[in-house]
Amino acid sequence: MKLNIIFNPFEKIAGAKSFFIGLAAVLLAGAIGYFSKTHFDGILNVHSGMQSAWYLHILEPLLSVATIALWFLLFAKIFGKHNIRTIDVFGTQFFAFIPLVPSSFLGFFKVTEVISDQLKQLIANPTGTLDIAPPQMLAFVALMIVVMMLSVWSAVWIYKGFKVAANLPNQIHIPVYITGIIVGMIVPKLLTSIII
């Protein structure tokens, strides 16, 4: 039973409660991301190493989650079996961001800054080499594995939340989910590039 809650919390929580808890998580991740130079610039996208204005760190995860929620809501309204509540779709998607919150600490690890600086130097001088010690590379790979696991966990919640809130026929919800993830990775980047 407890394992099921870890992978599908939406049997216990939905609606306004899940929305406000998820919104708090998004804002918290954005605030921490400002201090750690970590960005959530697309659904399931986590990048660190570049300082931006505080509002951009907050805006990016908000846009990412809102984009995918709007995508799911659109198809839920068109193909849904019964009346779909907007708060349920948005609530589950904001709540599904929660597993990514620990990723906002990524930039506080010194190895992340070292790797980021080395990559910037390599971009500036493509003929150069990466000067990264094996222990640093090992630590960085370990961090990336943790971030990927958190991203997969969030992706599972996104799917479970969408399935519960939208109640679409089986042949529709999987293509809508896959395209939603793609849209959620691309559109927020375009929107932030227009805004800044």
Protein backbone atom coordinates (compact mmCIF):
# COMPACT_ATOMS: atom_id res chain seq x y z
CA MET A 1 0.00 0.00 0.00
CA LYS A 2 2.77 2.48 0.95
CA LEU A 3 4.68 1.61 -2.24
CA ASN A 4 1.58 2.43 -4.28
CA ILE A 5 1.39 5.90 -2.67
CA ILE A 6 5.03 6.52 -3.64
CA PHE A 7 4.27 5.79 -7.30
CA ASN A 8 0.65 7.01 -7.42
CA PRO A 9 -0.26 9.52 -4.71
CA PHE A 10 -3.31 10.65 -6.67
CA GLU A 11 -5.53 7.98 -5.19
CA LYS A 12 -5.23 9.95 -1.95
CA ILE A 13 -4.76 13.56 -3.08
CA ALA A 14 -6.13 15.70 -5.91
CA GLY A 15 -7.89 18.98 -6.58
CA ALA A 16 -7.07 22.22 -4.78
CA LYS A 17 -5.03 20.49 -2.06
CA SER A 18 -2.64 18.90 -4.57
CA PHE A 19 -2.48 22.18 -6.52
CA PHE A 20 -1.41 24.32 -3.57
CA ILE A 21 1.07 21.75 -2.23
CA GLY A 22 2.52 21.39 -5.73
CA LEU A 23 2.62 25.16 -6.28
CA ALA A 24 4.52 25.57 -3.01
CA ALA A 25 7.00 22.90 -4.18
CA VAL A 26 7.48 24.67 -7.53
CA LEU A 27 8.08 28.04 -5.85
CA LEU A 28 10.44 26.46 -3.32
CA ALA A 29 12.46 24.75 -6.06
CA GLY A 30 12.65 28.01 -8.01
CA ALA A 31 13.81 29.94 -4.94
CA ILE A 32 16.46 27.36 -4.06
CA GLY A 33 17.43 27.24 -7.74
CA TYR A 34 18.15 30.97 -7.67
CA PHE A 35 20.76 30.49 -4.94
CA SER A 36 22.16 27.27 -6.43
CA LYS A 37 22.10 28.52 -10.06
CA THR A 38 19.78 25.65 -11.00
CA HIS A 39 17.15 25.96 -13.72
CA PHE A 40 13.98 23.96 -14.45
CA ASP A 41 13.64 25.26 -18.01
CA GLY A 42 11.24 22.62 -19.33
CA ILE A 43 9.31 19.76 -17.84
CA LEU A 44 11.81 17.22 -16.47
CA ASN A 45 14.71 19.51 -17.55
CA VAL A 46 17.23 20.37 -14.82
CA HIS A 47 20.34 22.46 -15.56
CA SER A 48 22.81 24.10 -13.26
CA GLY A 49 25.69 26.55 -13.51
CA MET A 50 24.15 29.77 -14.83
CA GLN A 51 22.93 32.57 -12.59
CA SER A 52 19.85 34.41 -13.82
CA ALA A 53 17.42 36.94 -12.40
CA TRP A 54 15.43 35.55 -9.45
CA TYR A 55 12.14 35.81 -11.32
CA LEU A 56 13.43 33.60 -14.14
CA HIS A 57 14.29 30.82 -11.69
CA ILE A 58 10.70 31.04 -10.38
CA LEU A 59 9.07 31.50 -13.79
CA GLU A 60 10.72 28.52 -15.51
CA PRO A 61 9.20 25.73 -13.40
CA LEU A 62 5.84 27.55 -13.29
CA LEU A 63 5.76 27.74 -17.10
CA SER A 64 6.91 24.14 -17.46
CA VAL A 65 4.17 22.71 -15.26
CA ALA A 66 1.47 25.07 -16.55
CA THR A 67 2.33 24.20 -20.17
CA ILE A 68 1.91 20.47 -19.71
CA ALA A 69 -1.20 20.98 -17.55
CA LEU A 70 -2.80 23.11 -20.28
CA TRP A 71 -1.89 20.50 -22.90
CA PHE A 72 -3.51 17.74 -20.87
CA LEU A 73 -6.55 19.89 -20.08
CA LEU A 74 -7.10 20.66 -23.76
CA PHE A 75 -7.25 16.98 -24.69
CA ALA A 76 -9.22 16.08 -21.58
CA LYS A 77 -11.89 18.62 -22.56
CA ILE A 78 -11.99 17.34 -26.15
CA PHE A 79 -11.87 13.58 -25.55
CA GLY A 80 -12.84 13.18 -21.87
CA LYS A 81 -15.60 10.77 -20.93
CA HIS A 82 -17.27 13.17 -18.52
CA ASN A 83 -16.88 16.66 -17.06
CA ILE A 84 -13.23 17.30 -16.28
CA ARG A 85 -12.29 19.61 -13.43
CA THR A 86 -9.52 22.06 -14.34
CA ILE A 87 -8.30 22.11 -10.73
CA ASP A 88 -7.78 18.33 -10.83
CA VAL A 89 -5.64 18.47 -13.97
CA PHE A 90 -3.58 21.41 -12.72
CA GLY A 91 -3.44 20.03 -9.19
CA THR A 92 -2.04 16.66 -10.20
CA GLN A 93 0.54 18.21 -12.54
CA PHE A 94 1.81 20.72 -9.99
CA PHE A 95 1.96 17.95 -7.38
CA ALA A 96 3.89 15.76 -9.85
CA PHE A 97 6.74 18.30 -9.72
CA ILE A 98 7.51 17.43 -6.07
CA PRO A 99 10.07 14.67 -6.80
CA LEU A 100 12.20 17.24 -8.66
CA VAL A 101 12.54 19.59 -5.67
CA PRO A 102 15.76 17.90 -4.35
CA SER A 103 17.31 18.59 -7.79
CA SER A 104 17.24 22.31 -6.97
CA PHE A 105 20.23 21.68 -4.66
CA LEU A 106 22.34 20.47 -7.60
CA GLY A 107 24.27 23.72 -7.96
CA PHE A 108 25.39 23.69 -4.33
CA PHE A 109 27.72 20.78 -5.08
CA LYS A 110 31.19 22.10 -5.92
CA VAL A 111 31.68 19.44 -8.60
CA THR A 112 28.73 20.87 -10.55
CA GLU A 113 30.42 24.27 -10.67
CA VAL A 114 33.74 22.71 -11.73
CA ILE A 115 32.15 20.72 -14.56
CA SER A 116 30.12 23.74 -15.67
CA ASP A 117 33.23 25.94 -15.81
CA GLN A 118 35.13 23.28 -17.75
CA LEU A 119 32.30 22.94 -20.28
CA LYS A 120 32.14 26.72 -20.73
CA GLN A 121 35.88 26.77 -21.43
CA LEU A 122 35.50 23.92 -23.92
CA ILE A 123 32.72 25.79 -25.73
CA ALA A 124 34.91 28.92 -25.88
CA ASN A 125 37.88 26.84 -27.11
CA PRO A 126 36.66 23.64 -28.85
CA THR A 127 40.24 22.45 -29.40
CA GLY A 128 40.90 22.44 -25.65
CA THR A 129 40.52 19.50 -23.29
CA LEU A 130 38.41 18.85 -20.22
CA ASP A 131 40.56 19.07 -17.09
CA ILE A 132 38.41 17.02 -14.73
CA ALA A 133 39.87 14.67 -12.11
CA PRO A 134 38.41 11.12 -12.04
CA PRO A 135 36.92 11.56 -8.52
CA GLN A 136 35.18 14.72 -9.68
CA MET A 137 33.80 12.96 -12.75
CA LEU A 138 32.62 10.04 -10.61
CA ALA A 139 30.85 12.40 -8.19
CA PHE A 140 29.25 14.26 -11.09
CA VAL A 141 28.01 11.04 -12.70
CA ALA A 142 26.55 9.94 -9.33
CA LEU A 143 24.73 13.29 -9.05
CA MET A 144 23.38 12.94 -12.60
CA ILE A 145 22.08 9.44 -11.82
CA VAL A 146 20.21 10.80 -8.79
CA VAL A 147 18.74 13.66 -10.85
CA MET A 148 17.68 11.20 -13.59
CA MET A 149 15.98 8.96 -11.02
CA LEU A 150 14.10 11.97 -9.60
CA SER A 151 13.09 12.94 -13.16
CA VAL A 152 11.77 9.43 -13.84
CA TRP A 153 9.83 9.54 -10.58
CA SER A 154 8.31 12.88 -11.59
CA ALA A 155 7.50 11.50 -15.07
CA VAL A 156 5.63 8.59 -13.47
CA TRP A 157 3.63 11.02 -11.32
CA ILE A 158 2.88 13.19 -14.35
CA TYR A 159 1.47 10.15 -16.15
CA LYS A 160 -0.49 8.84 -13.15
CA GLY A 161 -1.89 12.29 -12.39
CA PHE A 162 -2.91 12.87 -15.99
CA LYS A 163 -4.55 9.45 -16.22
CA VAL A 164 -6.55 10.01 -13.03
CA ALA A 165 -7.56 13.63 -13.67
CA ALA A 166 -8.30 13.46 -17.41
CA ASN A 167 -9.97 10.02 -17.49
CA LEU A 168 -9.29 9.58 -21.21
CA PRO A 169 -9.75 6.35 -23.17
CA ASN A 170 -6.62 4.16 -23.13
CA GLN A 171 -5.82 4.62 -26.82
CA ILE A 172 -5.73 8.40 -26.38
CA HIS A 173 -4.01 9.08 -23.05
CA ILE A 174 -0.61 7.55 -23.94
CA PRO A 175 -0.05 9.61 -27.16
CA VAL A 176 -1.30 12.74 -25.37
CA TYR A 177 1.11 12.06 -22.49
CA ILE A 178 4.12 11.53 -24.79
CA THR A 179 3.40 14.63 -26.87
CA GLY A 180 2.72 16.56 -23.65
CA ILE A 181 6.19 15.74 -22.34
CA ILE A 182 7.73 16.91 -25.63
CA VAL A 183 5.66 20.12 -25.65
CA GLY A 184 6.51 20.65 -21.97
CA MET A 185 10.22 20.48 -22.77
CA ILE A 186 10.14 22.84 -25.76
CA VAL A 187 7.45 25.50 -25.20
CA PRO A 188 8.69 26.83 -21.81
CA LYS A 189 12.17 27.42 -23.32
CA LEU A 190 10.58 29.39 -26.19
CA LEU A 191 8.42 31.41 -23.83
CA THR A 192 11.31 32.32 -21.52
CA SER A 193 13.47 33.29 -24.50
CA ILE A 194 10.71 35.70 -25.58
CA ILE A 195 10.27 37.11 -22.07
CA ILE A 196 13.97 37.75 -21.34
